[in-house]
């Protein structure tokens, strides 16, 4: 029994790593152009909705579409080079892994900083769910 303090959740291993891979039929591959478009669209709409909440503004359907289209192009360029997909063929699901990488320089020290981030997006039953940083989630 494992205790995940951040969630206050007890977890019991029902399949080890190898058993889970075999059960789910896990296979790695590069995403198709169509899949990248879908993922970028999901992230773009989420970003625009978040901005609307932060800015406390409402956009009509046309304004939302335009803002999401702009954001989608930016996101598509960012995620395309390093994205991967894990097909879970036996459970008809996919996990999209998008990796962001950047290099920054300090304005005072002029030292370099390498920054990265990994996002996981589950597609199951035709719907996306961001599962980044989650140990437990409902499908």
C-alpha atoms as a PDB file:
ATOM      1  CA  UNK A   1       0.000   0.000   0.000  1.00  0.00           C
ATOM      2  CA  UNK A   2       1.427   3.386  -1.011  1.00  0.00           C
ATOM      3  CA  UNK A   3       0.450   6.701   0.559  1.00  0.00           C
ATOM      4  CA  UNK A   4       0.279   9.757  -1.703  1.00  0.00           C
ATOM      5  CA  UNK A   5       0.434  12.559   0.832  1.00  0.00           C
ATOM      6  CA  UNK A   6      -0.412  15.382  -1.571  1.00  0.00           C
ATOM      7  CA  UNK A   7      -3.797  13.795  -2.352  1.00  0.00           C
ATOM      8  CA  UNK A   8      -4.343  12.095   1.006  1.00  0.00           C
ATOM      9  CA  UNK A   9      -4.939   8.952  -1.054  1.00  0.00           C
ATOM     10  CA  UNK A  10      -3.844   5.403  -0.381  1.00  0.00           C
ATOM     11  CA  UNK A  11      -2.880   3.496  -3.502  1.00  0.00           C
ATOM     12  CA  UNK A  12      -2.535  -0.212  -4.048  1.00  0.00           C
ATOM     13  CA  UNK A  13      -0.506  -1.524  -6.978  1.00  0.00           C
ATOM     14  CA  UNK A  14      -2.746  -3.806  -9.021  1.00  0.00           C
ATOM     15  CA  UNK A  15      -0.418  -4.097 -12.044  1.00  0.00           C
ATOM     16  CA  UNK A  16       3.331  -3.523 -12.014  1.00  0.00           C
ATOM     17  CA  UNK A  17       4.915  -1.519 -14.852  1.00  0.00           C
ATOM     18  CA  UNK A  18       5.396  -4.451 -17.218  1.00  0.00           C
ATOM     19  CA  UNK A  19       1.947  -5.903 -16.487  1.00  0.00           C
ATOM     20  CA  UNK A  20       0.319  -2.497 -17.033  1.00  0.00           C
ATOM     21  CA  UNK A  21       2.104  -2.058 -20.382  1.00  0.00           C
ATOM     22  CA  UNK A  22       0.989  -5.500 -21.502  1.00  0.00           C
ATOM     23  CA  UNK A  23      -2.581  -5.051 -20.238  1.00  0.00           C
ATOM     24  CA  UNK A  24      -3.025  -1.678 -21.932  1.00  0.00           C
ATOM     25  CA  UNK A  25      -1.081  -2.658 -25.056  1.00  0.00           C
ATOM     26  CA  UNK A  26       1.160   0.401 -24.679  1.00  0.00           C
ATOM     27  CA  UNK A  27       3.058   1.411 -27.812  1.00  0.00           C
ATOM     28  CA  UNK A  28       5.078   4.600 -28.420  1.00  0.00           C
ATOM     29  CA  UNK A  29       4.960   6.575 -31.659  1.00  0.00           C
ATOM     30  CA  UNK A  30       5.122  10.092 -33.099  1.00  0.00           C
ATOM     31  CA  UNK A  31       1.726  11.809 -33.398  1.00  0.00           C
ATOM     32  CA  UNK A  32       0.137  12.389 -36.779  1.00  0.00           C
ATOM     33  CA  UNK A  33      -0.369  15.927 -38.095  1.00  0.00           C
ATOM     34  CA  UNK A  34      -4.096  15.559 -37.456  1.00  0.00           C
ATOM     35  CA  UNK A  35      -3.499  14.505 -33.846  1.00  0.00           C
ATOM     36  CA  UNK A  36      -1.152  17.450 -33.273  1.00  0.00           C
ATOM     37  CA  UNK A  37      -3.860  19.761 -34.615  1.00  0.00           C
ATOM     38  CA  UNK A  38      -6.392  18.277 -32.168  1.00  0.00           C
ATOM     39  CA  UNK A  39      -4.045  18.602 -29.203  1.00  0.00           C
ATOM     40  CA  UNK A  40      -3.112  22.181 -30.138  1.00  0.00           C
ATOM     41  CA  UNK A  41      -6.803  23.058 -30.524  1.00  0.00           C
ATOM     42  CA  UNK A  42      -7.582  21.661 -27.067  1.00  0.00           C
ATOM     43  CA  UNK A  43      -4.731  23.588 -25.426  1.00  0.00           C
ATOM     44  CA  UNK A  44      -5.582  26.776 -27.376  1.00  0.00           C
ATOM     45  CA  UNK A  45      -9.227  26.769 -26.326  1.00  0.00           C
ATOM     46  CA  UNK A  46      -8.203  26.077 -22.733  1.00  0.00           C
ATOM     47  CA  UNK A  47      -5.709  28.972 -22.831  1.00  0.00           C
ATOM     48  CA  UNK A  48      -8.259  31.417 -24.263  1.00  0.00           C
ATOM     49  CA  UNK A  49     -10.856  30.369 -21.671  1.00  0.00           C
ATOM     50  CA  UNK A  50      -8.257  30.873 -18.929  1.00  0.00           C
ATOM     51  CA  UNK A  51      -7.345  34.312 -20.261  1.00  0.00           C
ATOM     52  CA  UNK A  52     -11.021  35.271 -20.360  1.00  0.00           C
ATOM     53  CA  UNK A  53     -11.390  34.318 -16.700  1.00  0.00           C
ATOM     54  CA  UNK A  54      -8.222  36.193 -15.668  1.00  0.00           C
ATOM     55  CA  UNK A  55      -9.169  39.273 -17.686  1.00  0.00           C
ATOM     56  CA  UNK A  56     -12.812  39.027 -16.581  1.00  0.00           C
ATOM     57  CA  UNK A  57     -14.032  39.454 -20.127  1.00  0.00           C
ATOM     58  CA  UNK A  58     -16.520  37.707 -22.344  1.00  0.00           C
ATOM     59  CA  UNK A  59     -15.792  36.965 -25.969  1.00  0.00           C
ATOM     60  CA  UNK A  60     -18.485  36.257 -28.501  1.00  0.00           C
ATOM     61  CA  UNK A  61     -18.153  33.127 -30.612  1.00  0.00           C
ATOM     62  CA  UNK A  62     -16.259  34.890 -33.404  1.00  0.00           C
ATOM     63  CA  UNK A  63     -13.783  36.598 -31.050  1.00  0.00           C
ATOM     64  CA  UNK A  64     -13.217  33.293 -29.262  1.00  0.00           C
ATOM     65  CA  UNK A  65     -12.610  31.477 -32.558  1.00  0.00           C
ATOM     66  CA  UNK A  66     -10.099  34.115 -33.723  1.00  0.00           C
ATOM     67  CA  UNK A  67      -8.215  34.134 -30.396  1.00  0.00           C
ATOM     68  CA  UNK A  68      -8.155  30.313 -30.260  1.00  0.00           C
ATOM     69  CA  UNK A  69      -6.917  30.105 -33.869  1.00  0.00           C
ATOM     70  CA  UNK A  70      -4.021  32.454 -33.125  1.00  0.00           C
ATOM     71  CA  UNK A  71      -3.132  30.568 -29.960  1.00  0.00           C
ATOM     72  CA  UNK A  72      -3.396  27.218 -31.747  1.00  0.00           C
ATOM     73  CA  UNK A  73      -0.721  28.187 -34.289  1.00  0.00           C
ATOM     74  CA  UNK A  74       1.666  29.224 -31.531  1.00  0.00           C
ATOM     75  CA  UNK A  75       1.034  26.030 -29.560  1.00  0.00           C
ATOM     76  CA  UNK A  76       1.299  23.829 -32.642  1.00  0.00           C
ATOM     77  CA  UNK A  77       4.777  25.217 -33.375  1.00  0.00           C
ATOM     78  CA  UNK A  78       5.821  24.709 -29.742  1.00  0.00           C
ATOM     79  CA  UNK A  79       4.622  21.121 -29.293  1.00  0.00           C
ATOM     80  CA  UNK A  80       5.291  19.582 -32.702  1.00  0.00           C
ATOM     81  CA  UNK A  81       9.048  18.891 -32.468  1.00  0.00           C
ATOM     82  CA  UNK A  82       9.025  16.954 -29.193  1.00  0.00           C
ATOM     83  CA  UNK A  83       5.510  15.446 -28.942  1.00  0.00           C
ATOM     84  CA  UNK A  84       4.975  11.707 -28.534  1.00  0.00           C
ATOM     85  CA  UNK A  85       1.950   9.444 -28.209  1.00  0.00           C
ATOM     86  CA  UNK A  86       1.478   6.323 -26.159  1.00  0.00           C
ATOM     87  CA  UNK A  87      -1.257   4.267 -27.764  1.00  0.00           C
ATOM     88  CA  UNK A  88      -3.063   2.141 -25.228  1.00  0.00           C
ATOM     89  CA  UNK A  89      -4.509  -0.129 -27.886  1.00  0.00           C
ATOM     90  CA  UNK A  90      -6.202  -2.638 -25.600  1.00  0.00           C
ATOM     91  CA  UNK A  91      -8.247   0.044 -23.838  1.00  0.00           C
ATOM     92  CA  UNK A  92      -8.738   2.300 -26.873  1.00  0.00           C
ATOM     93  CA  UNK A  93      -7.052   5.314 -25.328  1.00  0.00           C
ATOM     94  CA  UNK A  94      -4.066   7.532 -26.088  1.00  0.00           C
ATOM     95  CA  UNK A  95      -1.808   9.644 -23.931  1.00  0.00           C
ATOM     96  CA  UNK A  96      -0.188  12.604 -25.687  1.00  0.00           C
ATOM     97  CA  UNK A  97       3.079  13.773 -24.169  1.00  0.00           C
ATOM     98  CA  UNK A  98       4.113  17.304 -25.040  1.00  0.00           C
ATOM     99  CA  UNK A  99       7.480  18.576 -23.905  1.00  0.00           C
ATOM    100  CA  UNK A 100       8.457  22.223 -23.764  1.00  0.00           C
ATOM    101  CA  UNK A 101      12.038  23.360 -23.542  1.00  0.00           C
ATOM    102  CA  UNK A 102      13.499  26.830 -23.227  1.00  0.00           C
ATOM    103  CA  UNK A 103      16.779  28.557 -22.494  1.00  0.00           C
ATOM    104  CA  UNK A 104      16.772  31.788 -20.524  1.00  0.00           C
ATOM    105  CA  UNK A 105      19.559  34.159 -19.542  1.00  0.00           C
ATOM    106  CA  UNK A 106      19.637  36.099 -16.283  1.00  0.00           C
ATOM    107  CA  UNK A 107      19.359  39.859 -16.753  1.00  0.00           C
ATOM    108  CA  UNK A 108      21.847  40.571 -13.978  1.00  0.00           C
ATOM    109  CA  UNK A 109      24.092  37.498 -13.715  1.00  0.00           C
ATOM    110  CA  UNK A 110      23.922  36.632 -17.424  1.00  0.00           C
ATOM    111  CA  UNK A 111      23.864  32.960 -16.439  1.00  0.00           C
ATOM    112  CA  UNK A 112      21.889  30.429 -18.425  1.00  0.00           C
ATOM    113  CA  UNK A 113      18.833  28.592 -17.203  1.00  0.00           C
ATOM    114  CA  UNK A 114      17.401  25.532 -18.917  1.00  0.00           C
ATOM    115  CA  UNK A 115      13.686  25.148 -18.319  1.00  0.00           C
ATOM    116  CA  UNK A 116      11.401  22.364 -19.379  1.00  0.00           C
ATOM    117  CA  UNK A 117       7.940  21.027 -18.805  1.00  0.00           C
ATOM    118  CA  UNK A 118       6.071  17.854 -19.618  1.00  0.00           C
ATOM    119  CA  UNK A 119       2.317  17.780 -20.152  1.00  0.00           C
ATOM    120  CA  UNK A 120       0.165  14.661 -20.459  1.00  0.00           C
ATOM    121  CA  UNK A 121      -3.166  14.720 -22.232  1.00  0.00           C
ATOM    122  CA  UNK A 122      -5.385  11.632 -22.197  1.00  0.00           C
ATOM    123  CA  UNK A 123      -7.790  10.965 -25.052  1.00  0.00           C
ATOM    124  CA  UNK A 124     -10.464   8.444 -24.142  1.00  0.00           C
ATOM    125  CA  UNK A 125     -13.923   8.012 -25.677  1.00  0.00           C
ATOM    126  CA  UNK A 126     -13.190  10.926 -28.033  1.00  0.00           C
ATOM    127  CA  UNK A 127     -12.620  13.386 -25.180  1.00  0.00           C
ATOM    128  CA  UNK A 128      -9.446  14.966 -23.859  1.00  0.00           C
ATOM    129  CA  UNK A 129      -8.483  15.211 -20.197  1.00  0.00           C
ATOM    130  CA  UNK A 130      -5.318  16.910 -18.959  1.00  0.00           C
ATOM    131  CA  UNK A 131      -3.680  14.415 -16.603  1.00  0.00           C
ATOM    132  CA  UNK A 132      -0.429  16.318 -16.031  1.00  0.00           C
ATOM    133  CA  UNK A 133       0.673  16.003 -12.454  1.00  0.00           C
ATOM    134  CA  UNK A 134      -2.289  13.824 -11.467  1.00  0.00           C
ATOM    135  CA  UNK A 135      -1.810  10.468  -9.830  1.00  0.00           C
ATOM    136  CA  UNK A 136      -5.529   9.718  -9.575  1.00  0.00           C
ATOM    137  CA  UNK A 137      -8.308  10.838 -11.877  1.00  0.00           C
ATOM    138  CA  UNK A 138     -11.749   9.755 -13.012  1.00  0.00           C
ATOM    139  CA  UNK A 139     -12.315   8.894 -16.641  1.00  0.00           C
END
